[in-house]
C-alpha atoms as a PDB file:
ATOM      1  CA  MET A   1      -0.002   0.002  -0.008  1.00  0.00           C
ATOM      2  CA  LYS A   2       2.802   2.401   0.925  1.00  0.00           C
ATOM      3  CA  LYS A   3       4.622   1.644  -2.344  1.00  0.00           C
ATOM      4  CA  THR A   4       1.450   2.301  -4.316  1.00  0.00           C
ATOM      5  CA  LEU A   5       0.896   5.672  -2.657  1.00  0.00           C
ATOM      6  CA  THR A   6       4.509   6.621  -3.282  1.00  0.00           C
ATOM      7  CA  LEU A   7       4.197   5.657  -6.931  1.00  0.00           C
ATOM      8  CA  ILE A   8       0.992   7.664  -7.292  1.00  0.00           C
ATOM      9  CA  ALA A   9       2.630  10.696  -5.677  1.00  0.00           C
ATOM     10  CA  ILE A  10       5.600  10.469  -8.065  1.00  0.00           C
ATOM     11  CA  MET A  11       3.343  10.089 -11.090  1.00  0.00           C
ATOM     12  CA  ALA A  12       1.265  13.102 -10.024  1.00  0.00           C
ATOM     13  CA  ALA A  13       4.389  15.231  -9.522  1.00  0.00           C
ATOM     14  CA  VAL A  14       5.672  14.347 -12.978  1.00  0.00           C
ATOM     15  CA  ALA A  15       2.287  14.814 -14.662  1.00  0.00           C
ATOM     16  CA  PHE A  16       1.745  18.312 -13.359  1.00  0.00           C
ATOM     17  CA  GLN A  17       5.163  19.799 -14.135  1.00  0.00           C
ATOM     18  CA  PRO A  18       4.998  22.798 -16.474  1.00  0.00           C
ATOM     19  CA  ALA A  19       6.350  22.440 -19.997  1.00  0.00           C
ATOM     20  CA  PRO A  20       9.998  23.497 -20.348  1.00  0.00           C
ATOM     21  CA  LYS A  21      10.511  27.072 -21.509  1.00  0.00           C
ATOM     22  CA  SER A  22      11.832  27.671 -24.986  1.00  0.00           C
ATOM     23  CA  TYR A  23      14.031  30.580 -26.077  1.00  0.00           C
ATOM     24  CA  LYS A  24      14.949  31.867 -29.504  1.00  0.00           C
ATOM     25  CA  LEU A  25      18.376  33.423 -29.934  1.00  0.00           C
ATOM     26  CA  GLU A  26      19.748  35.405 -32.844  1.00  0.00           C
ATOM     27  CA  LEU A  27      23.438  34.709 -33.325  1.00  0.00           C
ATOM     28  CA  THR A  28      25.829  35.444 -36.158  1.00  0.00           C
ATOM     29  CA  ALA A  29      27.334  32.452 -37.913  1.00  0.00           C
ATOM     30  CA  GLN A  30      30.599  33.065 -36.059  1.00  0.00           C
ATOM     31  CA  GLU A  31      28.888  33.237 -32.671  1.00  0.00           C
ATOM     32  CA  LEU A  32      26.937  30.068 -33.409  1.00  0.00           C
ATOM     33  CA  GLN A  33      30.142  28.258 -34.370  1.00  0.00           C
ATOM     34  CA  ILE A  34      31.741  29.293 -31.063  1.00  0.00           C
ATOM     35  CA  VAL A  35      28.769  27.916 -29.100  1.00  0.00           C
ATOM     36  CA  TYR A  36      28.737  24.715 -31.174  1.00  0.00           C
ATOM     37  CA  ASP A  37      32.482  24.168 -30.668  1.00  0.00           C
ATOM     38  CA  ALA A  38      32.266  24.896 -26.941  1.00  0.00           C
ATOM     39  CA  LEU A  39      29.482  22.332 -26.574  1.00  0.00           C
ATOM     40  CA  GLY A  40      31.785  19.812 -28.233  1.00  0.00           C
ATOM     41  CA  GLU A  41      34.170  20.216 -25.295  1.00  0.00           C
ATOM     42  CA  LEU A  42      31.530  18.950 -22.876  1.00  0.00           C
ATOM     43  CA  PRO A  43      30.726  15.257 -22.360  1.00  0.00           C
ATOM     44  CA  ALA A  44      28.597  13.972 -25.242  1.00  0.00           C
ATOM     45  CA  LYS A  45      25.938  12.754 -22.818  1.00  0.00           C
ATOM     46  CA  THR A  46      25.377  16.379 -21.804  1.00  0.00           C
ATOM     47  CA  SER A  47      25.772  18.257 -25.064  1.00  0.00           C
ATOM     48  CA  GLU A  48      25.146  16.045 -28.088  1.00  0.00           C
ATOM     49  CA  THR A  49      21.366  16.550 -28.204  1.00  0.00           C
ATOM     50  CA  ILE A  50      21.866  20.323 -28.116  1.00  0.00           C
ATOM     51  CA  ARG A  51      24.464  20.163 -30.911  1.00  0.00           C
ATOM     52  CA  ILE A  52      22.084  18.066 -33.033  1.00  0.00           C
ATOM     53  CA  LYS A  53      19.298  20.583 -32.413  1.00  0.00           C
ATOM     54  CA  ILE A  54      21.571  23.448 -33.517  1.00  0.00           C
ATOM     55  CA  VAL A  55      22.454  21.643 -36.777  1.00  0.00           C
ATOM     56  CA  GLN A  56      18.798  20.846 -37.484  1.00  0.00           C
ATOM     57  CA  GLN A  57      17.634  24.407 -36.889  1.00  0.00           C
ATOM     58  CA  VAL A  58      20.465  25.957 -38.931  1.00  0.00           C
ATOM     59  CA  ASN A  59      19.748  23.566 -41.814  1.00  0.00           C
ATOM     60  CA  GLN A  60      16.035  24.333 -41.597  1.00  0.00           C
ATOM     61  CA  GLN A  61      16.633  28.088 -41.656  1.00  0.00           C
ATOM     62  CA  ASN A  62      19.129  27.841 -44.524  1.00  0.00           C
ATOM     63  CA  THR A  63      16.581  25.835 -46.521  1.00  0.00           C
ATOM     64  CA  THR A  64      13.830  28.357 -45.759  1.00  0.00           C
ATOM     65  CA  ASP A  65      16.042  31.324 -46.711  1.00  0.00           C
ATOM     66  CA  LYS A  66      16.756  29.900 -50.172  1.00  0.00           C
ATOM     67  CA  LYS A  67      13.078  29.699 -51.136  1.00  0.00           C
END
């Protein structure tokens, strides 16, 4: 019974957390490269998803700009 209540409390806490905030930054190509390179110095477990997101968004914007 105690385990069940604990599980329910954990599930409720997770379910009612607000969505993570999102920010949009405007950086020059040089500034973006500095950020990208600096992230590469961190452990991959920490930074690789952010680096992938940067590449995807840059590619998406470059594709949009050409149209």
